[in-house]
C-alpha cells in the first residue's frame, strides 16, 4: 500500500455524485411519507355507514336499468329511455323522475 493521495475527481463527476446522493435521499423520504400516509389513512376512524339499500325497487313498466347510484337518503336508477328515477333509500318509494333530453 502506498501513501499516495487519491487524485481529485473532476467537477462534473463530483456534481453527479451529489445529484445521485440527493436523489437517493429524496426517494427514501418519499417512500417513508407514502408509508406514513397509508398507515394514517387505514388507522383512522371509519366513516359512518351508508343507510341500507331497500330490499326491492319497483321500476315502472318497460323501464330497463342501465346505471345505479346512491346518496345519503336516496337511490337513483338511470333507465334506457333516458330517465333518472330517484327512490327513497329507506322505503324504496319513487320520489322523483327526471327526463333527460338530448339535442
PDB file of N, CA and C in Angstrom:
ATOM      1  N   UNK A   1       0.829  -1.172   0.000  1.00  0.00           N
ATOM      2  CA  UNK A   1       0.000   0.000   0.000  1.00  0.00           C
ATOM      3  C   UNK A   1       0.876   1.238   0.000  1.00  0.00           C
ATOM      4  N   UNK A   2       0.488   2.158  -0.786  1.00  0.00           N
ATOM      5  CA  UNK A   2       1.257   3.394  -0.843  1.00  0.00           C
ATOM      6  C   UNK A   2       0.473   4.507  -0.156  1.00  0.00           C
ATOM      7  N   UNK A   3       1.163   5.524   0.255  1.00  0.00           N
ATOM      8  CA  UNK A   3       0.539   6.647   0.935  1.00  0.00           C
ATOM      9  C   UNK A   3       0.216   7.775  -0.035  1.00  0.00           C
ATOM     10  N   UNK A   4       0.124   7.461  -1.308  1.00  0.00           N
ATOM     11  CA  UNK A   4      -0.174   8.488  -2.299  1.00  0.00           C
ATOM     12  C   UNK A   4      -1.623   8.940  -2.135  1.00  0.00           C
ATOM     13  N   UNK A   5      -1.868  10.245  -2.134  1.00  0.00           N
ATOM     14  CA  UNK A   5      -3.255  10.715  -2.057  1.00  0.00           C
ATOM     15  C   UNK A   5      -3.994  10.372  -3.347  1.00  0.00           C
ATOM     16  N   UNK A   6      -5.274  10.110  -3.195  1.00  0.00           N
ATOM     17  CA  UNK A   6      -6.065   9.769  -4.383  1.00  0.00           C
ATOM     18  C   UNK A   6      -6.266  11.021  -5.218  1.00  0.00           C
ATOM     19  N   UNK A   7      -6.269  10.857  -6.533  1.00  0.00           N
ATOM     20  CA  UNK A   7      -6.462  12.033  -7.383  1.00  0.00           C
ATOM     21  C   UNK A   7      -7.869  12.603  -7.171  1.00  0.00           C
ATOM     22  N   UNK A   8      -7.991  13.912  -7.266  1.00  0.00           N
ATOM     23  CA  UNK A   8      -9.282  14.578  -7.076  1.00  0.00           C
ATOM     24  C   UNK A   8     -10.170  14.326  -8.289  1.00  0.00           C
ATOM     25  N   UNK A   9     -11.448  14.119  -8.022  1.00  0.00           N
ATOM     26  CA  UNK A   9     -12.403  13.859  -9.099  1.00  0.00           C
ATOM     27  C   UNK A   9     -12.694  15.136  -9.873  1.00  0.00           C
ATOM     28  N   UNK A  10     -12.995  15.004 -11.161  1.00  0.00           N
ATOM     29  CA  UNK A  10     -13.389  16.186 -11.936  1.00  0.00           C
ATOM     30  C   UNK A  10     -14.667  16.797 -11.370  1.00  0.00           C
ATOM     31  N   UNK A  11     -14.885  18.064 -11.630  1.00  0.00           N
ATOM     32  CA  UNK A  11     -16.017  18.804 -11.061  1.00  0.00           C
ATOM     33  C   UNK A  11     -17.356  18.208 -11.490  1.00  0.00           C
ATOM     34  N   UNK A  12     -17.464  17.822 -12.759  1.00  0.00           N
ATOM     35  CA  UNK A  12     -18.750  17.275 -13.216  1.00  0.00           C
ATOM     36  C   UNK A  12     -19.053  15.920 -12.578  1.00  0.00           C
ATOM     37  N   UNK A  13     -18.027  15.151 -12.239  1.00  0.00           N
ATOM     38  CA  UNK A  13     -18.234  13.864 -11.586  1.00  0.00           C
ATOM     39  C   UNK A  13     -18.627  14.060 -10.117  1.00  0.00           C
ATOM     40  N   UNK A  14     -18.064  15.066  -9.463  1.00  0.00           N
ATOM     41  CA  UNK A  14     -18.463  15.383  -8.086  1.00  0.00           C
ATOM     42  C   UNK A  14     -19.918  15.857  -8.057  1.00  0.00           C
ATOM     43  N   UNK A  15     -20.287  16.669  -9.054  1.00  0.00           N
ATOM     44  CA  UNK A  15     -21.665  17.157  -9.140  1.00  0.00           C
ATOM     45  C   UNK A  15     -22.627  15.990  -9.365  1.00  0.00           C
ATOM     46  N   UNK A  16     -22.260  15.046 -10.218  1.00  0.00           N
ATOM     47  CA  UNK A  16     -23.097  13.874 -10.471  1.00  0.00           C
ATOM     48  C   UNK A  16     -23.247  13.038  -9.207  1.00  0.00           C
ATOM     49  N   UNK A  17     -22.154  12.879  -8.460  1.00  0.00           N
ATOM     50  CA  UNK A  17     -22.214  12.125  -7.196  1.00  0.00           C
ATOM     51  C   UNK A  17     -23.173  12.822  -6.214  1.00  0.00           C
ATOM     52  N   UNK A  18     -23.133  14.152  -6.159  1.00  0.00           N
ATOM     53  CA  UNK A  18     -24.043  14.908  -5.296  1.00  0.00           C
ATOM     54  C   UNK A  18     -25.494  14.728  -5.737  1.00  0.00           C
ATOM     55  N   UNK A  19     -25.749  14.778  -7.034  1.00  0.00           N
ATOM     56  CA  UNK A  19     -27.110  14.594  -7.543  1.00  0.00           C
ATOM     57  C   UNK A  19     -27.653  13.212  -7.196  1.00  0.00           C
ATOM     58  N   UNK A  20     -26.847  12.188  -7.345  1.00  0.00           N
ATOM     59  CA  UNK A  20     -27.279  10.828  -7.026  1.00  0.00           C
ATOM     60  C   UNK A  20     -27.570  10.700  -5.538  1.00  0.00           C
ATOM     61  N   UNK A  21     -26.752  11.310  -4.702  1.00  0.00           N
ATOM     62  CA  UNK A  21     -26.975  11.263  -3.254  1.00  0.00           C
ATOM     63  C   UNK A  21     -28.277  11.974  -2.880  1.00  0.00           C
ATOM     64  N   UNK A  22     -28.519  13.145  -3.463  1.00  0.00           N
ATOM     65  CA  UNK A  22     -29.753  13.888  -3.190  1.00  0.00           C
ATOM     66  C   UNK A  22     -30.966  13.101  -3.687  1.00  0.00           C
ATOM     67  N   UNK A  23     -30.888  12.503  -4.860  1.00  0.00           N
ATOM     68  CA  UNK A  23     -31.987  11.709  -5.396  1.00  0.00           C
ATOM     69  C   UNK A  23     -32.279  10.515  -4.499  1.00  0.00           C
ATOM     70  N   UNK A  24     -31.260   9.863  -4.010  1.00  0.00           N
ATOM     71  CA  UNK A  24     -31.458   8.721  -3.109  1.00  0.00           C
ATOM     72  C   UNK A  24     -32.163   9.169  -1.829  1.00  0.00           C
ATOM     73  N   UNK A  25     -31.716  10.266  -1.258  1.00  0.00           N
ATOM     74  CA  UNK A  25     -32.365  10.787  -0.044  1.00  0.00           C
ATOM     75  C   UNK A  25     -33.814  11.169  -0.289  1.00  0.00           C
ATOM     76  N   UNK A  26     -34.083  11.800  -1.439  1.00  0.00           N
ATOM     77  CA  UNK A  26     -35.445  12.189  -1.781  1.00  0.00           C
ATOM     78  C   UNK A  26     -36.338  10.972  -1.952  1.00  0.00           C
ATOM     79  N   UNK A  27     -35.841   9.942  -2.595  1.00  0.00           N
ATOM     80  CA  UNK A  27     -36.638   8.728  -2.791  1.00  0.00           C
ATOM     81  C   UNK A  27     -36.923   8.032  -1.463  1.00  0.00           C
ATOM     82  N   UNK A  28     -35.958   7.988  -0.573  1.00  0.00           N
ATOM     83  CA  UNK A  28     -36.176   7.370   0.741  1.00  0.00           C
ATOM     84  C   UNK A  28     -37.203   8.175   1.529  1.00  0.00           C
ATOM     85  N   UNK A  29     -37.076   9.497   1.517  1.00  0.00           N
ATOM     86  CA  UNK A  29     -38.034  10.349   2.224  1.00  0.00           C
ATOM     87  C   UNK A  29     -39.441  10.191   1.638  1.00  0.00           C
ATOM     88  N   UNK A  30     -39.546  10.148   0.320  1.00  0.00           N
ATOM     89  CA  UNK A  30     -40.847   9.969  -0.321  1.00  0.00           C
ATOM     90  C   UNK A  30     -41.488   8.645   0.040  1.00  0.00           C
ATOM     91  N   UNK A  31     -40.703   7.585   0.073  1.00  0.00           N
ATOM     92  CA  UNK A  31     -41.226   6.274   0.448  1.00  0.00           C
ATOM     93  C   UNK A  31     -41.711   6.271   1.890  1.00  0.00           C
ATOM     94  N   UNK A  32     -40.968   6.899   2.772  1.00  0.00           N
ATOM     95  CA  UNK A  32     -41.391   6.987   4.173  1.00  0.00           C
ATOM     96  C   UNK A  32     -42.682   7.796   4.315  1.00  0.00           C
ATOM     97  N   UNK A  33     -42.821   8.861   3.549  1.00  0.00           N
ATOM     98  CA  UNK A  33     -44.042   9.671   3.593  1.00  0.00           C
ATOM     99  C   UNK A  33     -45.229   8.866   3.085  1.00  0.00           C
ATOM    100  N   UNK A  34     -45.057   8.123   2.003  1.00  0.00           N
ATOM    101  CA  UNK A  34     -46.146   7.300   1.466  1.00  0.00           C
ATOM    102  C   UNK A  34     -46.566   6.241   2.478  1.00  0.00           C
ATOM    103  N   UNK A  35     -45.609   5.591   3.106  1.00  0.00           N
ATOM    104  CA  UNK A  35     -45.931   4.580   4.118  1.00  0.00           C
ATOM    105  C   UNK A  35     -46.680   5.226   5.282  1.00  0.00           C
ATOM    106  N   UNK A  36     -46.227   6.398   5.732  1.00  0.00           N
ATOM    107  CA  UNK A  36     -46.896   7.095   6.836  1.00  0.00           C
ATOM    108  C   UNK A  36     -48.324   7.465   6.461  1.00  0.00           C
ATOM    109  N   UNK A  37     -48.543   7.947   5.244  1.00  0.00           N
ATOM    110  CA  UNK A  37     -49.890   8.309   4.813  1.00  0.00           C
ATOM    111  C   UNK A  37     -50.811   7.089   4.751  1.00  0.00           C
ATOM    112  N   UNK A  38     -50.301   5.970   4.295  1.00  0.00           N
ATOM    113  CA  UNK A  38     -51.108   4.746   4.251  1.00  0.00           C
ATOM    114  C   UNK A  38     -51.477   4.305   5.663  1.00  0.00           C
ATOM    115  N   UNK A  39     -50.520   4.349   6.567  1.00  0.00           N
ATOM    116  CA  UNK A  39     -50.800   3.958   7.954  1.00  0.00           C
ATOM    117  C   UNK A  39     -51.822   4.898   8.578  1.00  0.00           C
ATOM    118  N   UNK A  40     -51.670   6.201   8.362  1.00  0.00           N
ATOM    119  CA  UNK A  40     -52.624   7.170   8.912  1.00  0.00           C
ATOM    120  C   UNK A  40     -54.014   6.938   8.337  1.00  0.00           C
ATOM    121  N   UNK A  41     -54.092   6.707   7.047  1.00  0.00           N
ATOM    122  CA  UNK A  41     -55.396   6.527   6.389  1.00  0.00           C
ATOM    123  C   UNK A  41     -56.113   5.287   6.905  1.00  0.00           C
ATOM    124  N   UNK A  42     -55.415   4.180   7.046  1.00  0.00           N
ATOM    125  CA  UNK A  42     -56.075   2.943   7.439  1.00  0.00           C
ATOM    126  C   UNK A  42     -56.278   2.823   8.941  1.00  0.00           C
ATOM    127  N   UNK A  43     -55.607   3.653   9.734  1.00  0.00           N
ATOM    128  CA  UNK A  43     -55.814   3.580  11.171  1.00  0.00           C
ATOM    129  C   UNK A  43     -56.825   4.605  11.658  1.00  0.00           C
ATOM    130  N   UNK A  44     -57.314   5.471  10.785  1.00  0.00           N
ATOM    131  CA  UNK A  44     -58.286   6.483  11.187  1.00  0.00           C
ATOM    132  C   UNK A  44     -59.665   5.851  11.370  1.00  0.00           C
ATOM    133  N   UNK A  45     -60.540   6.595  12.012  1.00  0.00           N
ATOM    134  CA  UNK A  45     -61.900   6.117  12.263  1.00  0.00           C
ATOM    135  C   UNK A  45     -62.627   5.906  10.940  1.00  0.00           C
ATOM    136  N   UNK A  46     -63.354   4.811  10.821  1.00  0.00           N
ATOM    137  CA  UNK A  46     -64.119   4.608   9.583  1.00  0.00           C
ATOM    138  C   UNK A  46     -65.278   5.600   9.501  1.00  0.00           C
ATOM    139  N   UNK A  47     -65.633   5.939   8.267  1.00  0.00           N
ATOM    140  CA  UNK A  47     -66.752   6.850   8.072  1.00  0.00           C
ATOM    141  C   UNK A  47     -68.047   6.168   8.458  1.00  0.00           C
ATOM    142  N   UNK A  48     -69.041   6.976   8.715  1.00  0.00           N
ATOM    143  CA  UNK A  48     -70.350   6.435   9.074  1.00  0.00           C
ATOM    144  C   UNK A  48     -70.880   5.579   7.926  1.00  0.00           C
ATOM    145  N   UNK A  49     -71.499   4.496   8.285  1.00  0.00           N
ATOM    146  CA  UNK A  49     -72.022   3.583   7.271  1.00  0.00           C
ATOM    147  C   UNK A  49     -73.193   4.226   6.543  1.00  0.00           C
ATOM    148  N   UNK A  50     -73.284   3.922   5.262  1.00  0.00           N
ATOM    149  CA  UNK A  50     -74.408   4.406   4.469  1.00  0.00           C
ATOM    150  C   UNK A  50     -75.667   3.680   4.927  1.00  0.00           C
ATOM    151  N   UNK A  51     -76.817   4.320   4.767  1.00  0.00           N
ATOM    152  CA  UNK A  51     -78.058   3.618   5.113  1.00  0.00           C
ATOM    153  C   UNK A  51     -78.235   2.408   4.205  1.00  0.00           C
ATOM    154  N   UNK A  52     -78.901   1.385   4.687  1.00  0.00           N
ATOM    155  CA  UNK A  52     -79.049   0.181   3.869  1.00  0.00           C
ATOM    156  C   UNK A  52     -79.908   0.447   2.640  1.00  0.00           C
ATOM    157  N   UNK A  53     -79.660  -0.352   1.620  1.00  0.00           N
ATOM    158  CA  UNK A  53     -80.469  -0.256   0.408  1.00  0.00           C
ATOM    159  C   UNK A  53     -81.823  -0.898   0.644  1.00  0.00           C
ATOM    160  N   UNK A  54     -82.850  -0.423  -0.062  1.00  0.00           N
ATOM    161  CA  UNK A  54     -84.149  -1.087   0.061  1.00  0.00           C
ATOM    162  C   UNK A  54     -84.058  -2.520  -0.484  1.00  0.00           C
ATOM    163  N   UNK A  55     -84.882  -3.405   0.054  1.00  0.00           N
ATOM    164  CA  UNK A  55     -84.877  -4.802  -0.400  1.00  0.00           C
ATOM    165  C   UNK A  55     -85.197  -4.900  -1.884  1.00  0.00           C
ATOM    166  N   UNK A  56     -86.225  -4.185  -2.309  1.00  0.00           N
ATOM    167  CA  UNK A  56     -86.612  -4.196  -3.720  1.00  0.00           C
ATOM    168  C   UNK A  56     -86.937  -2.778  -4.162  1.00  0.00           C
ATOM    169  N   UNK A  57     -86.762  -2.544  -5.438  1.00  0.00           N
ATOM    170  CA  UNK A  57     -87.154  -1.284  -6.060  1.00  0.00           C
ATOM    171  C   UNK A  57     -88.035  -1.648  -7.243  1.00  0.00           C
ATOM    172  N   UNK A  58     -89.240  -1.099  -7.252  1.00  0.00           N
ATOM    173  CA  UNK A  58     -90.178  -1.386  -8.339  1.00  0.00           C
ATOM    174  C   UNK A  58     -90.016  -0.335  -9.426  1.00  0.00           C
ATOM    175  N   UNK A  59     -89.477  -0.754 -10.563  1.00  0.00           N
ATOM    176  CA  UNK A  59     -89.324   0.157 -11.691  1.00  0.00           C
ATOM    177  C   UNK A  59     -90.644   0.234 -12.457  1.00  0.00           C
ATOM    178  N   UNK A  60     -90.916   1.383 -13.087  1.00  0.00           N
ATOM    179  CA  UNK A  60     -92.127   1.485 -13.907  1.00  0.00           C
ATOM    180  C   UNK A  60     -92.084   0.471 -15.051  1.00  0.00           C
ATOM    181  N   UNK A  61     -93.247   0.135 -15.595  1.00  0.00           N
ATOM    182  CA  UNK A  61     -93.328  -0.838 -16.686  1.00  0.00           C
ATOM    183  C   UNK A  61     -92.464  -0.417 -17.862  1.00  0.00           C
ATOM    184  N   UNK A  62     -91.700  -1.348 -18.369  1.00  0.00           N
ATOM    185  CA  UNK A  62     -90.864  -1.121 -19.544  1.00  0.00           C
ATOM    186  C   UNK A  62     -89.528  -0.451 -19.253  1.00  0.00           C
ATOM    187  N   UNK A  63     -89.263  -0.069 -18.035  1.00  0.00           N
ATOM    188  CA  UNK A  63     -88.000   0.604 -17.706  1.00  0.00           C
ATOM    189  C   UNK A  63     -86.897  -0.437 -17.557  1.00  0.00           C
ATOM    190  N   UNK A  64     -85.837  -0.262 -18.320  1.00  0.00           N
ATOM    191  CA  UNK A  64     -84.670  -1.145 -18.257  1.00  0.00           C
ATOM    192  C   UNK A  64     -83.519  -0.362 -17.620  1.00  0.00           C
ATOM    193  N   UNK A  65     -83.013  -0.791 -16.454  1.00  0.00           N
ATOM    194  CA  UNK A  65     -81.948  -0.038 -15.791  1.00  0.00           C
ATOM    195  C   UNK A  65     -80.614  -0.156 -16.532  1.00  0.00           C
ATOM    196  N   UNK A  66     -79.882   0.948 -16.575  1.00  0.00           N
ATOM    197  CA  UNK A  66     -78.545   0.937 -17.182  1.00  0.00           C
ATOM    198  C   UNK A  66     -77.472   1.391 -16.197  1.00  0.00           C
ATOM    199  N   UNK A  67     -77.872   2.153 -15.159  1.00  0.00           N
ATOM    200  CA  UNK A  67     -76.891   2.626 -14.173  1.00  0.00           C
ATOM    201  C   UNK A  67     -77.595   2.810 -12.837  1.00  0.00           C
ATOM    202  N   UNK A  68     -76.776   2.842 -11.783  1.00  0.00           N
ATOM    203  CA  UNK A  68     -77.293   2.948 -10.425  1.00  0.00           C
ATOM    204  C   UNK A  68     -76.326   3.794  -9.617  1.00  0.00           C
ATOM    205  N   UNK A  69     -76.867   4.648  -8.768  1.00  0.00           N
ATOM    206  CA  UNK A  69     -76.039   5.406  -7.831  1.00  0.00           C
ATOM    207  C   UNK A  69     -76.852   5.678  -6.579  1.00  0.00           C
ATOM    208  N   UNK A  70     -76.166   6.136  -5.537  1.00  0.00           N
ATOM    209  CA  UNK A  70     -76.884   6.394  -4.293  1.00  0.00           C
ATOM    210  C   UNK A  70     -76.328   7.614  -3.605  1.00  0.00           C
ATOM    211  N   UNK A  71     -77.185   8.247  -2.830  1.00  0.00           N
ATOM    212  CA  UNK A  71     -76.798   9.371  -1.984  1.00  0.00           C
ATOM    213  C   UNK A  71     -77.020   8.975  -0.539  1.00  0.00           C
ATOM    214  N   UNK A  72     -77.068   9.954   0.358  1.00  0.00           N
ATOM    215  CA  UNK A  72     -77.261   9.648   1.770  1.00  0.00           C
ATOM    216  C   UNK A  72     -78.627   9.041   2.051  1.00  0.00           C
ATOM    217  N   UNK A  73     -79.664   9.578   1.420  1.00  0.00           N
ATOM    218  CA  UNK A  73     -81.006   9.073   1.697  1.00  0.00           C
ATOM    219  C   UNK A  73     -81.805   8.816   0.424  1.00  0.00           C
ATOM    220  N   UNK A  74     -81.130   8.624  -0.689  1.00  0.00           N
ATOM    221  CA  UNK A  74     -81.816   8.339  -1.945  1.00  0.00           C
ATOM    222  C   UNK A  74     -81.015   7.371  -2.792  1.00  0.00           C
ATOM    223  N   UNK A  75     -81.712   6.757  -3.734  1.00  0.00           N
ATOM    224  CA  UNK A  75     -81.114   5.826  -4.692  1.00  0.00           C
ATOM    225  C   UNK A  75     -81.601   6.253  -6.064  1.00  0.00           C
ATOM    226  N   UNK A  76     -80.709   6.317  -7.037  1.00  0.00           N
ATOM    227  CA  UNK A  76     -81.094   6.731  -8.389  1.00  0.00           C
ATOM    228  C   UNK A  76     -80.800   5.605  -9.368  1.00  0.00           C
ATOM    229  N   UNK A  77     -81.745   5.401 -10.295  1.00  0.00           N
ATOM    230  CA  UNK A  77     -81.592   4.404 -11.345  1.00  0.00           C
ATOM    231  C   UNK A  77     -81.761   5.123 -12.676  1.00  0.00           C
ATOM    232  N   UNK A  78     -80.790   4.969 -13.554  1.00  0.00           N
ATOM    233  CA  UNK A  78     -80.869   5.535 -14.902  1.00  0.00           C
ATOM    234  C   UNK A  78     -81.401   4.438 -15.806  1.00  0.00           C
ATOM    235  N   UNK A  79     -82.389   4.781 -16.622  1.00  0.00           N
ATOM    236  CA  UNK A  79     -83.019   3.791 -17.498  1.00  0.00           C
ATOM    237  C   UNK A  79     -82.606   4.016 -18.940  1.00  0.00           C
ATOM    238  N   UNK A  80     -82.885   3.002 -19.775  1.00  0.00           N
ATOM    239  CA  UNK A  80     -82.518   3.088 -21.196  1.00  0.00           C
ATOM    240  C   UNK A  80     -83.314   4.150 -21.935  1.00  0.00           C
ATOM    241  N   UNK A  81     -84.484   4.504 -21.437  1.00  0.00           N
ATOM    242  CA  UNK A  81     -85.301   5.508 -22.124  1.00  0.00           C
ATOM    243  C   UNK A  81     -85.016   6.920 -21.606  1.00  0.00           C
ATOM    244  N   UNK A  82     -83.780   7.168 -21.169  1.00  0.00           N
ATOM    245  CA  UNK A  82     -83.293   8.489 -20.756  1.00  0.00           C
ATOM    246  C   UNK A  82     -84.091   9.105 -19.619  1.00  0.00           C
ATOM    247  N   UNK A  83     -84.293   8.343 -18.572  1.00  0.00           N
ATOM    248  CA  UNK A  83     -84.930   8.850 -17.362  1.00  0.00           C
ATOM    249  C   UNK A  83     -84.037   8.515 -16.171  1.00  0.00           C
ATOM    250  N   UNK A  84     -84.094   9.373 -15.183  1.00  0.00           N
ATOM    251  CA  UNK A  84     -83.448   9.097 -13.906  1.00  0.00           C
ATOM    252  C   UNK A  84     -84.567   8.973 -12.884  1.00  0.00           C
ATOM    253  N   UNK A  85     -84.650   7.812 -12.272  1.00  0.00           N
ATOM    254  CA  UNK A  85     -85.678   7.549 -11.273  1.00  0.00           C
ATOM    255  C   UNK A  85     -85.023   7.629  -9.900  1.00  0.00           C
ATOM    256  N   UNK A  86     -85.504   8.529  -9.058  1.00  0.00           N
ATOM    257  CA  UNK A  86     -84.923   8.733  -7.740  1.00  0.00           C
ATOM    258  C   UNK A  86     -85.875   8.140  -6.699  1.00  0.00           C
ATOM    259  N   UNK A  87     -85.338   7.188  -5.926  1.00  0.00           N
ATOM    260  CA  UNK A  87     -86.123   6.473  -4.928  1.00  0.00           C
ATOM    261  C   UNK A  87     -85.628   6.830  -3.534  1.00  0.00           C
ATOM    262  N   UNK A  88     -86.521   6.719  -2.544  1.00  0.00           N
ATOM    263  CA  UNK A  88     -86.149   6.873  -1.144  1.00  0.00           C
ATOM    264  C   UNK A  88     -85.340   5.651  -0.731  1.00  0.00           C
ATOM    265  N   UNK A  89     -84.197   5.849  -0.091  1.00  0.00           N
ATOM    266  CA  UNK A  89     -83.318   4.730   0.264  1.00  0.00           C
ATOM    267  C   UNK A  89     -83.915   3.865   1.366  1.00  0.00           C
ATOM    268  N   UNK A  90     -84.703   4.448   2.250  1.00  0.00           N
ATOM    269  CA  UNK A  90     -85.249   3.677   3.362  1.00  0.00           C
ATOM    270  C   UNK A  90     -86.465   2.858   2.955  1.00  0.00           C
ATOM    271  N   UNK A  91     -87.352   3.453   2.165  1.00  0.00           N
ATOM    272  CA  UNK A  91     -88.614   2.779   1.843  1.00  0.00           C
ATOM    273  C   UNK A  91     -88.652   2.186   0.449  1.00  0.00           C
ATOM    274  N   UNK A  92     -87.883   2.724  -0.469  1.00  0.00           N
ATOM    275  CA  UNK A  92     -87.923   2.266  -1.849  1.00  0.00           C
ATOM    276  C   UNK A  92     -88.996   2.950  -2.666  1.00  0.00           C
ATOM    277  N   UNK A  93     -89.663   3.965  -2.094  1.00  0.00           N
ATOM    278  CA  UNK A  93     -90.720   4.695  -2.808  1.00  0.00           C
ATOM    279  C   UNK A  93     -90.107   5.649  -3.824  1.00  0.00           C
ATOM    280  N   UNK A  94     -90.767   5.796  -4.975  1.00  0.00           N
ATOM    281  CA  UNK A  94     -90.308   6.708  -6.019  1.00  0.00           C
ATOM    282  C   UNK A  94     -90.515   8.142  -5.552  1.00  0.00           C
ATOM    283  N   UNK A  95     -89.453   8.930  -5.513  1.00  0.00           N
ATOM    284  CA  UNK A  95     -89.526  10.335  -5.096  1.00  0.00           C
ATOM    285  C   UNK A  95     -89.695  11.269  -6.286  1.00  0.00           C
ATOM    286  N   UNK A  96     -88.895  11.003  -7.333  1.00  0.00           N
ATOM    287  CA  UNK A  96     -88.840  11.958  -8.432  1.00  0.00           C
ATOM    288  C   UNK A  96     -88.409  11.245  -9.702  1.00  0.00           C
ATOM    289  N   UNK A  97     -88.917  11.739 -10.824  1.00  0.00           N
ATOM    290  CA  UNK A  97     -88.487  11.250 -12.130  1.00  0.00           C
ATOM    291  C   UNK A  97     -87.931  12.429 -12.912  1.00  0.00           C
ATOM    292  N   UNK A  98     -86.726  12.257 -13.446  1.00  0.00           N
ATOM    293  CA  UNK A  98     -86.099  13.312 -14.244  1.00  0.00           C
ATOM    294  C   UNK A  98     -85.954  12.793 -15.662  1.00  0.00           C
ATOM    295  N   UNK A  99     -86.535  13.514 -16.630  1.00  0.00           N
ATOM    296  CA  UNK A  99     -86.418  13.132 -18.037  1.00  0.00           C
ATOM    297  C   UNK A  99     -85.202  13.857 -18.625  1.00  0.00           C
ATOM    298  N   UNK A 100     -84.385  13.116 -19.291  1.00  0.00           N
ATOM    299  CA  UNK A 100     -83.166  13.667 -19.896  1.00  0.00           C
ATOM    300  C   UNK A 100     -83.448  13.908 -21.368  1.00  0.00           C
ATOM    301  N   UNK A 101     -83.247  15.132 -21.788  1.00  0.00           N
ATOM    302  CA  UNK A 101     -83.463  15.459 -23.203  1.00  0.00           C
ATOM    303  C   UNK A 101     -82.114  15.544 -23.894  1.00  0.00           C
ATOM    304  N   UNK A 102     -82.054  15.032 -25.088  1.00  0.00           N
ATOM    305  CA  UNK A 102     -80.822  15.078 -25.881  1.00  0.00           C
ATOM    306  C   UNK A 102     -81.054  15.995 -27.071  1.00  0.00           C
ATOM    307  N   UNK A 103     -80.037  16.727 -27.475  1.00  0.00           N
ATOM    308  CA  UNK A 103     -80.201  17.659 -28.600  1.00  0.00           C
ATOM    309  C   UNK A 103     -80.401  16.936 -29.916  1.00  0.00           C
TER     310      UNK A 103
END
